[in-house]
PDB file of N, CA and C in Angstrom:
ATOM      1  N   UNK A   1    -130.815 -68.621 -29.589  1.00  0.00           N
ATOM      2  CA  UNK A   1    -130.720 -67.900 -30.845  1.00  0.00           C
ATOM      3  C   UNK A   1    -130.046 -66.545 -30.638  1.00  0.00           C
ATOM      4  N   UNK A   2    -130.293 -65.932 -29.472  1.00  0.00           N
ATOM      5  CA  UNK A   2    -129.685 -64.629 -29.189  1.00  0.00           C
ATOM      6  C   UNK A   2    -128.157 -64.733 -29.148  1.00  0.00           C
ATOM      7  N   UNK A   3    -127.647 -65.781 -28.495  1.00  0.00           N
ATOM      8  CA  UNK A   3    -126.199 -65.982 -28.427  1.00  0.00           C
ATOM      9  C   UNK A   3    -125.616 -66.163 -29.820  1.00  0.00           C
ATOM     10  N   UNK A   4    -126.275 -66.978 -30.622  1.00  0.00           N
ATOM     11  CA  UNK A   4    -125.808 -67.248 -31.974  1.00  0.00           C
ATOM     12  C   UNK A   4    -125.815 -65.969 -32.816  1.00  0.00           C
ATOM     13  N   UNK A   5    -126.866 -65.172 -32.686  1.00  0.00           N
ATOM     14  CA  UNK A   5    -126.966 -63.926 -33.445  1.00  0.00           C
ATOM     15  C   UNK A   5    -125.886 -62.945 -33.009  1.00  0.00           C
ATOM     16  N   UNK A   6    -125.635 -62.878 -31.714  1.00  0.00           N
ATOM     17  CA  UNK A   6    -124.608 -61.956 -31.226  1.00  0.00           C
ATOM     18  C   UNK A   6    -123.223 -62.395 -31.698  1.00  0.00           C
ATOM     19  N   UNK A   7    -122.955 -63.683 -31.647  1.00  0.00           N
ATOM     20  CA  UNK A   7    -121.663 -64.187 -32.131  1.00  0.00           C
ATOM     21  C   UNK A   7    -121.499 -63.909 -33.621  1.00  0.00           C
ATOM     22  N   UNK A   8    -122.564 -64.108 -34.377  1.00  0.00           N
ATOM     23  CA  UNK A   8    -122.495 -63.830 -35.815  1.00  0.00           C
ATOM     24  C   UNK A   8    -122.312 -62.343 -36.057  1.00  0.00           C
ATOM     25  N   UNK A   9    -123.026 -61.507 -35.302  1.00  0.00           N
ATOM     26  CA  UNK A   9    -122.849 -60.059 -35.423  1.00  0.00           C
ATOM     27  C   UNK A   9    -121.400 -59.670 -35.147  1.00  0.00           C
ATOM     28  N   UNK A  10    -120.822 -60.270 -34.119  1.00  0.00           N
ATOM     29  CA  UNK A  10    -119.444 -59.943 -33.770  1.00  0.00           C
ATOM     30  C   UNK A  10    -118.479 -60.347 -34.878  1.00  0.00           C
ATOM     31  N   UNK A  11    -118.740 -61.486 -35.508  1.00  0.00           N
ATOM     32  CA  UNK A  11    -117.903 -61.900 -36.636  1.00  0.00           C
ATOM     33  C   UNK A  11    -118.023 -60.904 -37.784  1.00  0.00           C
ATOM     34  N   UNK A  12    -119.248 -60.531 -38.106  1.00  0.00           N
ATOM     35  CA  UNK A  12    -119.461 -59.557 -39.177  1.00  0.00           C
ATOM     36  C   UNK A  12    -118.824 -58.210 -38.834  1.00  0.00           C
ATOM     37  N   UNK A  13    -118.936 -57.812 -37.581  1.00  0.00           N
ATOM     38  CA  UNK A  13    -118.325 -56.564 -37.129  1.00  0.00           C
ATOM     39  C   UNK A  13    -116.805 -56.644 -37.256  1.00  0.00           C
ATOM     40  N   UNK A  14    -116.253 -57.780 -36.870  1.00  0.00           N
ATOM     41  CA  UNK A  14    -114.814 -57.967 -36.998  1.00  0.00           C
ATOM     42  C   UNK A  14    -114.351 -57.896 -38.440  1.00  0.00           C
ATOM     43  N   UNK A  15    -115.112 -58.480 -39.342  1.00  0.00           N
ATOM     44  CA  UNK A  15    -114.760 -58.429 -40.757  1.00  0.00           C
ATOM     45  C   UNK A  15    -114.886 -57.004 -41.307  1.00  0.00           C
ATOM     46  N   UNK A  16    -115.902 -56.281 -40.850  1.00  0.00           N
ATOM     47  CA  UNK A  16    -116.070 -54.872 -41.245  1.00  0.00           C
ATOM     48  C   UNK A  16    -114.868 -54.058 -40.780  1.00  0.00           C
ATOM     49  N   UNK A  17    -114.512 -54.203 -39.510  1.00  0.00           N
ATOM     50  CA  UNK A  17    -113.391 -53.454 -38.960  1.00  0.00           C
ATOM     51  C   UNK A  17    -112.083 -53.873 -39.628  1.00  0.00           C
ATOM     52  N   UNK A  18    -111.932 -55.163 -39.893  1.00  0.00           N
ATOM     53  CA  UNK A  18    -110.724 -55.649 -40.565  1.00  0.00           C
ATOM     54  C   UNK A  18    -110.558 -54.970 -41.922  1.00  0.00           C
ATOM     55  N   UNK A  19    -111.656 -54.823 -42.636  1.00  0.00           N
ATOM     56  CA  UNK A  19    -111.599 -54.143 -43.925  1.00  0.00           C
ATOM     57  C   UNK A  19    -111.142 -52.702 -43.790  1.00  0.00           C
ATOM     58  N   UNK A  20    -111.636 -52.019 -42.769  1.00  0.00           N
ATOM     59  CA  UNK A  20    -111.220 -50.635 -42.535  1.00  0.00           C
ATOM     60  C   UNK A  20    -109.743 -50.553 -42.167  1.00  0.00           C
ATOM     61  N   UNK A  21    -109.244 -51.615 -41.530  1.00  0.00           N
ATOM     62  CA  UNK A  21    -107.834 -51.645 -41.127  1.00  0.00           C
ATOM     63  C   UNK A  21    -106.944 -52.266 -42.202  1.00  0.00           C
ATOM     64  N   UNK A  22    -107.526 -52.538 -43.369  1.00  0.00           N
ATOM     65  CA  UNK A  22    -106.803 -53.093 -44.517  1.00  0.00           C
ATOM     66  C   UNK A  22    -106.276 -54.509 -44.267  1.00  0.00           C
ATOM     67  N   UNK A  23    -106.983 -55.266 -43.426  1.00  0.00           N
ATOM     68  CA  UNK A  23    -106.637 -56.674 -43.219  1.00  0.00           C
ATOM     69  C   UNK A  23    -107.400 -57.506 -44.236  1.00  0.00           C
ATOM     70  N   UNK A  24    -106.748 -58.528 -44.751  1.00  0.00           N
ATOM     71  CA  UNK A  24    -107.381 -59.381 -45.755  1.00  0.00           C
ATOM     72  C   UNK A  24    -107.148 -60.850 -45.435  1.00  0.00           C
ATOM     73  N   UNK A  25    -107.956 -61.706 -46.019  1.00  0.00           N
ATOM     74  CA  UNK A  25    -107.758 -63.147 -45.942  1.00  0.00           C
ATOM     75  C   UNK A  25    -107.704 -63.679 -44.524  1.00  0.00           C
ATOM     76  N   UNK A  26    -106.652 -64.459 -44.244  1.00  0.00           N
ATOM     77  CA  UNK A  26    -106.512 -65.086 -42.933  1.00  0.00           C
ATOM     78  C   UNK A  26    -106.408 -64.061 -41.810  1.00  0.00           C
ATOM     79  N   UNK A  27    -105.759 -62.924 -42.091  1.00  0.00           N
ATOM     80  CA  UNK A  27    -105.617 -61.883 -41.063  1.00  0.00           C
ATOM     81  C   UNK A  27    -106.982 -61.308 -40.695  1.00  0.00           C
ATOM     82  N   UNK A  28    -107.843 -61.121 -41.676  1.00  0.00           N
ATOM     83  CA  UNK A  28    -109.195 -60.611 -41.413  1.00  0.00           C
ATOM     84  C   UNK A  28    -110.003 -61.638 -40.627  1.00  0.00           C
ATOM     85  N   UNK A  29    -109.902 -62.902 -41.002  1.00  0.00           N
ATOM     86  CA  UNK A  29    -110.620 -63.960 -40.285  1.00  0.00           C
ATOM     87  C   UNK A  29    -110.125 -64.072 -38.840  1.00  0.00           C
ATOM     88  N   UNK A  30    -108.817 -63.977 -38.652  1.00  0.00           N
ATOM     89  CA  UNK A  30    -108.251 -64.052 -37.298  1.00  0.00           C
ATOM     90  C   UNK A  30    -108.728 -62.872 -36.459  1.00  0.00           C
ATOM     91  N   UNK A  31    -108.787 -61.713 -37.061  1.00  0.00           N
ATOM     92  CA  UNK A  31    -109.276 -60.546 -36.320  1.00  0.00           C
ATOM     93  C   UNK A  31    -110.750 -60.730 -35.945  1.00  0.00           C
ATOM     94  N   UNK A  32    -111.557 -61.238 -36.851  1.00  0.00           N
ATOM     95  CA  UNK A  32    -112.978 -61.478 -36.563  1.00  0.00           C
ATOM     96  C   UNK A  32    -113.122 -62.440 -35.392  1.00  0.00           C
ATOM     97  N   UNK A  33    -112.262 -63.460 -35.318  1.00  0.00           N
ATOM     98  CA  UNK A  33    -112.293 -64.394 -34.181  1.00  0.00           C
ATOM     99  C   UNK A  33    -111.934 -63.679 -32.880  1.00  0.00           C
ATOM    100  N   UNK A  34    -110.987 -62.759 -32.941  1.00  0.00           N
ATOM    101  CA  UNK A  34    -110.619 -61.984 -31.752  1.00  0.00           C
ATOM    102  C   UNK A  34    -111.803 -61.152 -31.257  1.00  0.00           C
ATOM    103  N   UNK A  35    -112.555 -60.593 -32.190  1.00  0.00           N
ATOM    104  CA  UNK A  35    -113.725 -59.793 -31.814  1.00  0.00           C
ATOM    105  C   UNK A  35    -114.766 -60.696 -31.150  1.00  0.00           C
ATOM    106  N   UNK A  36    -114.994 -61.874 -31.710  1.00  0.00           N
ATOM    107  CA  UNK A  36    -115.938 -62.819 -31.102  1.00  0.00           C
ATOM    108  C   UNK A  36    -115.496 -63.155 -29.680  1.00  0.00           C
ATOM    109  N   UNK A  37    -114.219 -63.448 -29.509  1.00  0.00           N
ATOM    110  CA  UNK A  37    -113.693 -63.811 -28.193  1.00  0.00           C
ATOM    111  C   UNK A  37    -113.753 -62.660 -27.196  1.00  0.00           C
ATOM    112  N   UNK A  38    -113.662 -61.434 -27.687  1.00  0.00           N
ATOM    113  CA  UNK A  38    -113.695 -60.279 -26.779  1.00  0.00           C
ATOM    114  C   UNK A  38    -115.040 -60.144 -26.076  1.00  0.00           C
ATOM    115  N   UNK A  39    -116.071 -60.758 -26.621  1.00  0.00           N
ATOM    116  CA  UNK A  39    -117.406 -60.656 -26.037  1.00  0.00           C
ATOM    117  C   UNK A  39    -117.536 -61.465 -24.751  1.00  0.00           C
ATOM    118  N   UNK A  40    -116.557 -62.297 -24.450  1.00  0.00           N
ATOM    119  CA  UNK A  40    -116.616 -63.111 -23.237  1.00  0.00           C
ATOM    120  C   UNK A  40    -116.004 -62.412 -22.027  1.00  0.00           C
ATOM    121  N   UNK A  41    -115.503 -61.185 -22.207  1.00  0.00           N
ATOM    122  CA  UNK A  41    -114.858 -60.463 -21.119  1.00  0.00           C
ATOM    123  C   UNK A  41    -115.850 -59.969 -20.072  1.00  0.00           C
ATOM    124  N   UNK A  42    -117.006 -59.506 -20.515  1.00  0.00           N
ATOM    125  CA  UNK A  42    -118.021 -58.998 -19.596  1.00  0.00           C
ATOM    126  C   UNK A  42    -119.391 -59.080 -20.255  1.00  0.00           C
ATOM    127  N   UNK A  43    -120.427 -58.939 -19.460  1.00  0.00           N
ATOM    128  CA  UNK A  43    -121.793 -58.977 -19.975  1.00  0.00           C
ATOM    129  C   UNK A  43    -122.066 -57.718 -20.795  1.00  0.00           C
ATOM    130  N   UNK A  44    -122.816 -57.874 -21.852  1.00  0.00           N
ATOM    131  CA  UNK A  44    -123.175 -56.725 -22.688  1.00  0.00           C
ATOM    132  C   UNK A  44    -122.219 -56.549 -23.861  1.00  0.00           C
ATOM    133  N   UNK A  45    -122.390 -55.442 -24.557  1.00  0.00           N
ATOM    134  CA  UNK A  45    -121.637 -55.180 -25.786  1.00  0.00           C
ATOM    135  C   UNK A  45    -120.437 -54.269 -25.602  1.00  0.00           C
ATOM    136  N   UNK A  46    -120.252 -53.720 -24.407  1.00  0.00           N
ATOM    137  CA  UNK A  46    -119.186 -52.735 -24.231  1.00  0.00           C
ATOM    138  C   UNK A  46    -117.799 -53.316 -24.457  1.00  0.00           C
ATOM    139  N   UNK A  47    -117.593 -54.588 -24.117  1.00  0.00           N
ATOM    140  CA  UNK A  47    -116.291 -55.202 -24.341  1.00  0.00           C
ATOM    141  C   UNK A  47    -115.980 -55.295 -25.836  1.00  0.00           C
ATOM    142  N   UNK A  48    -116.973 -55.639 -26.618  1.00  0.00           N
ATOM    143  CA  UNK A  48    -116.792 -55.726 -28.076  1.00  0.00           C
ATOM    144  C   UNK A  48    -116.555 -54.332 -28.645  1.00  0.00           C
ATOM    145  N   UNK A  49    -117.356 -53.382 -28.204  1.00  0.00           N
ATOM    146  CA  UNK A  49    -117.187 -52.005 -28.669  1.00  0.00           C
ATOM    147  C   UNK A  49    -115.769 -51.504 -28.382  1.00  0.00           C
ATOM    148  N   UNK A  50    -115.308 -51.679 -27.141  1.00  0.00           N
ATOM    149  CA  UNK A  50    -113.979 -51.191 -26.770  1.00  0.00           C
ATOM    150  C   UNK A  50    -112.885 -51.836 -27.623  1.00  0.00           C
ATOM    151  N   UNK A  51    -113.014 -53.136 -27.865  1.00  0.00           N
ATOM    152  CA  UNK A  51    -112.032 -53.849 -28.693  1.00  0.00           C
ATOM    153  C   UNK A  51    -111.968 -53.240 -30.086  1.00  0.00           C
ATOM    154  N   UNK A  52    -113.113 -53.155 -30.736  1.00  0.00           N
ATOM    155  CA  UNK A  52    -113.146 -52.686 -32.121  1.00  0.00           C
ATOM    156  C   UNK A  52    -112.757 -51.213 -32.207  1.00  0.00           C
ATOM    157  N   UNK A  53    -113.325 -50.392 -31.357  1.00  0.00           N
ATOM    158  CA  UNK A  53    -113.018 -48.949 -31.395  1.00  0.00           C
ATOM    159  C   UNK A  53    -111.543 -48.705 -31.124  1.00  0.00           C
ATOM    160  N   UNK A  54    -110.997 -49.377 -30.127  1.00  0.00           N
ATOM    161  CA  UNK A  54    -109.583 -49.210 -29.809  1.00  0.00           C
ATOM    162  C   UNK A  54    -108.681 -49.636 -30.956  1.00  0.00           C
ATOM    163  N   UNK A  55    -109.001 -50.765 -31.576  1.00  0.00           N
ATOM    164  CA  UNK A  55    -108.189 -51.252 -32.689  1.00  0.00           C
ATOM    165  C   UNK A  55    -108.291 -50.337 -33.902  1.00  0.00           C
ATOM    166  N   UNK A  56    -109.495 -49.835 -34.171  1.00  0.00           N
ATOM    167  CA  UNK A  56    -109.654 -48.903 -35.284  1.00  0.00           C
ATOM    168  C   UNK A  56    -108.864 -47.621 -35.037  1.00  0.00           C
ATOM    169  N   UNK A  57    -108.949 -47.104 -33.827  1.00  0.00           N
ATOM    170  CA  UNK A  57    -108.203 -45.890 -33.490  1.00  0.00           C
ATOM    171  C   UNK A  57    -106.702 -46.120 -33.609  1.00  0.00           C
ATOM    172  N   UNK A  58    -106.245 -47.249 -33.085  1.00  0.00           N
ATOM    173  CA  UNK A  58    -104.814 -47.560 -33.102  1.00  0.00           C
ATOM    174  C   UNK A  58    -104.283 -47.722 -34.518  1.00  0.00           C
ATOM    175  N   UNK A  59    -105.105 -48.243 -35.403  1.00  0.00           N
ATOM    176  CA  UNK A  59    -104.666 -48.479 -36.782  1.00  0.00           C
ATOM    177  C   UNK A  59    -104.747 -47.224 -37.643  1.00  0.00           C
ATOM    178  N   UNK A  60    -105.358 -46.181 -37.121  1.00  0.00           N
ATOM    179  CA  UNK A  60    -105.539 -44.966 -37.917  1.00  0.00           C
ATOM    180  C   UNK A  60    -106.802 -44.982 -38.753  1.00  0.00           C
ATOM    181  N   UNK A  61    -107.615 -46.013 -38.598  1.00  0.00           N
ATOM    182  CA  UNK A  61    -108.866 -46.132 -39.353  1.00  0.00           C
ATOM    183  C   UNK A  61    -110.038 -45.754 -38.454  1.00  0.00           C
ATOM    184  N   UNK A  62    -109.791 -44.849 -37.530  1.00  0.00           N
ATOM    185  CA  UNK A  62    -110.766 -44.490 -36.514  1.00  0.00           C
ATOM    186  C   UNK A  62    -112.155 -44.192 -37.053  1.00  0.00           C
ATOM    187  N   UNK A  63    -113.117 -44.591 -36.286  1.00  0.00           N
ATOM    188  CA  UNK A  63    -114.520 -44.325 -36.540  1.00  0.00           C
ATOM    189  C   UNK A  63    -115.069 -43.732 -35.248  1.00  0.00           C
ATOM    190  N   UNK A  64    -116.095 -42.919 -35.358  1.00  0.00           N
ATOM    191  CA  UNK A  64    -116.691 -42.339 -34.159  1.00  0.00           C
ATOM    192  C   UNK A  64    -117.425 -43.417 -33.362  1.00  0.00           C
ATOM    193  N   UNK A  65    -117.697 -43.116 -32.099  1.00  0.00           N
ATOM    194  CA  UNK A  65    -118.477 -44.044 -31.284  1.00  0.00           C
ATOM    195  C   UNK A  65    -119.812 -44.319 -31.962  1.00  0.00           C
ATOM    196  N   UNK A  66    -120.448 -43.272 -32.472  1.00  0.00           N
ATOM    197  CA  UNK A  66    -121.740 -43.428 -33.144  1.00  0.00           C
ATOM    198  C   UNK A  66    -121.630 -44.383 -34.335  1.00  0.00           C
ATOM    199  N   UNK A  67    -120.576 -44.241 -35.135  1.00  0.00           N
ATOM    200  CA  UNK A  67    -120.423 -45.093 -36.314  1.00  0.00           C
ATOM    201  C   UNK A  67    -120.250 -46.563 -35.928  1.00  0.00           C
ATOM    202  N   UNK A  68    -119.435 -46.814 -34.920  1.00  0.00           N
ATOM    203  CA  UNK A  68    -119.195 -48.204 -34.512  1.00  0.00           C
ATOM    204  C   UNK A  68    -120.461 -48.805 -33.916  1.00  0.00           C
ATOM    205  N   UNK A  69    -121.117 -48.068 -33.033  1.00  0.00           N
ATOM    206  CA  UNK A  69    -122.336 -48.602 -32.410  1.00  0.00           C
ATOM    207  C   UNK A  69    -123.459 -48.782 -33.432  1.00  0.00           C
ATOM    208  N   UNK A  70    -123.556 -47.869 -34.390  1.00  0.00           N
ATOM    209  CA  UNK A  70    -124.557 -48.005 -35.456  1.00  0.00           C
ATOM    210  C   UNK A  70    -124.279 -49.264 -36.278  1.00  0.00           C
ATOM    211  N   UNK A  71    -123.004 -49.498 -36.581  1.00  0.00           N
ATOM    212  CA  UNK A  71    -122.638 -50.701 -37.331  1.00  0.00           C
ATOM    213  C   UNK A  71    -122.984 -51.950 -36.528  1.00  0.00           C
ATOM    214  N   UNK A  72    -122.741 -51.915 -35.225  1.00  0.00           N
ATOM    215  CA  UNK A  72    -123.094 -53.052 -34.369  1.00  0.00           C
ATOM    216  C   UNK A  72    -124.591 -53.323 -34.434  1.00  0.00           C
ATOM    217  N   UNK A  73    -125.401 -52.275 -34.346  1.00  0.00           N
ATOM    218  CA  UNK A  73    -126.860 -52.436 -34.399  1.00  0.00           C
ATOM    219  C   UNK A  73    -127.314 -52.989 -35.746  1.00  0.00           C
ATOM    220  N   UNK A  74    -126.764 -52.431 -36.827  1.00  0.00           N
ATOM    221  CA  UNK A  74    -127.167 -52.872 -38.162  1.00  0.00           C
ATOM    222  C   UNK A  74    -126.745 -54.318 -38.423  1.00  0.00           C
ATOM    223  N   UNK A  75    -125.555 -54.681 -37.971  1.00  0.00           N
ATOM    224  CA  UNK A  75    -125.077 -56.037 -38.212  1.00  0.00           C
ATOM    225  C   UNK A  75    -125.809 -57.065 -37.362  1.00  0.00           C
ATOM    226  N   UNK A  76    -126.352 -56.664 -36.218  1.00  0.00           N
ATOM    227  CA  UNK A  76    -127.170 -57.586 -35.435  1.00  0.00           C
ATOM    228  C   UNK A  76    -128.434 -57.950 -36.211  1.00  0.00           C
ATOM    229  N   UNK A  77    -129.017 -56.985 -36.884  1.00  0.00           N
ATOM    230  CA  UNK A  77    -130.201 -57.241 -37.715  1.00  0.00           C
ATOM    231  C   UNK A  77    -129.836 -58.182 -38.867  1.00  0.00           C
ATOM    232  N   UNK A  78    -128.691 -57.922 -39.502  1.00  0.00           N
ATOM    233  CA  UNK A  78    -128.222 -58.798 -40.586  1.00  0.00           C
ATOM    234  C   UNK A  78    -128.029 -60.219 -40.059  1.00  0.00           C
ATOM    235  N   UNK A  79    -127.378 -60.343 -38.918  1.00  0.00           N
ATOM    236  CA  UNK A  79    -127.112 -61.659 -38.332  1.00  0.00           C
ATOM    237  C   UNK A  79    -128.412 -62.392 -38.034  1.00  0.00           C
ATOM    238  N   UNK A  80    -129.370 -61.698 -37.429  1.00  0.00           N
ATOM    239  CA  UNK A  80    -130.667 -62.323 -37.123  1.00  0.00           C
ATOM    240  C   UNK A  80    -131.360 -62.799 -38.384  1.00  0.00           C
ATOM    241  N   UNK A  81    -131.340 -61.977 -39.421  1.00  0.00           N
ATOM    242  CA  UNK A  81    -131.963 -62.361 -40.695  1.00  0.00           C
ATOM    243  C   UNK A  81    -131.271 -63.554 -41.318  1.00  0.00           C
ATOM    244  N   UNK A  82    -129.945 -63.607 -41.234  1.00  0.00           N
ATOM    245  CA  UNK A  82    -129.212 -64.756 -41.765  1.00  0.00           C
ATOM    246  C   UNK A  82    -129.599 -66.033 -41.025  1.00  0.00           C
ATOM    247  N   UNK A  83    -129.665 -65.955 -39.728  1.00  0.00           N
ATOM    248  CA  UNK A  83    -130.000 -67.133 -38.922  1.00  0.00           C
ATOM    249  C   UNK A  83    -131.425 -67.587 -39.209  1.00  0.00           C
ATOM    250  N   UNK A  84    -132.356 -66.647 -39.298  1.00  0.00           N
ATOM    251  CA  UNK A  84    -133.744 -67.009 -39.588  1.00  0.00           C
ATOM    252  C   UNK A  84    -133.867 -67.676 -40.958  1.00  0.00           C
ATOM    253  N   UNK A  85    -133.076 -67.221 -41.912  1.00  0.00           N
ATOM    254  CA  UNK A  85    -133.148 -67.816 -43.250  1.00  0.00           C
ATOM    255  C   UNK A  85    -132.542 -69.215 -43.289  1.00  0.00           C
ATOM    256  N   UNK A  86    -131.720 -69.552 -42.314  1.00  0.00           N
ATOM    257  CA  UNK A  86    -131.099 -70.876 -42.253  1.00  0.00           C
ATOM    258  C   UNK A  86    -132.000 -71.910 -41.592  1.00  0.00           C
ATOM    259  N   UNK A  87    -133.013 -71.454 -40.880  1.00  0.00           N
ATOM    260  CA  UNK A  87    -133.892 -72.376 -40.137  1.00  0.00           C
ATOM    261  C   UNK A  87    -134.859 -73.060 -41.082  1.00  0.00           C
TER     262      UNK A  87
END
């Protein structure tokens, strides 16, 4: 369940970041998939954080480290609640 929740959180995070970068539709979905895939680079959340933070900074939609990490924490709770409601 932890893996599933983390993958869902990463998708939600990718969609959040895509919105900040003005990506829509297929481009937003493709970006969310990239965020999910970035989690396989190393153990923990730092790979996902670096991906999203770097992309936000590069696009000019920069967010502080605190904002990105807070969003990651909040979206993990959302993801867990979604999964629990599906059971």
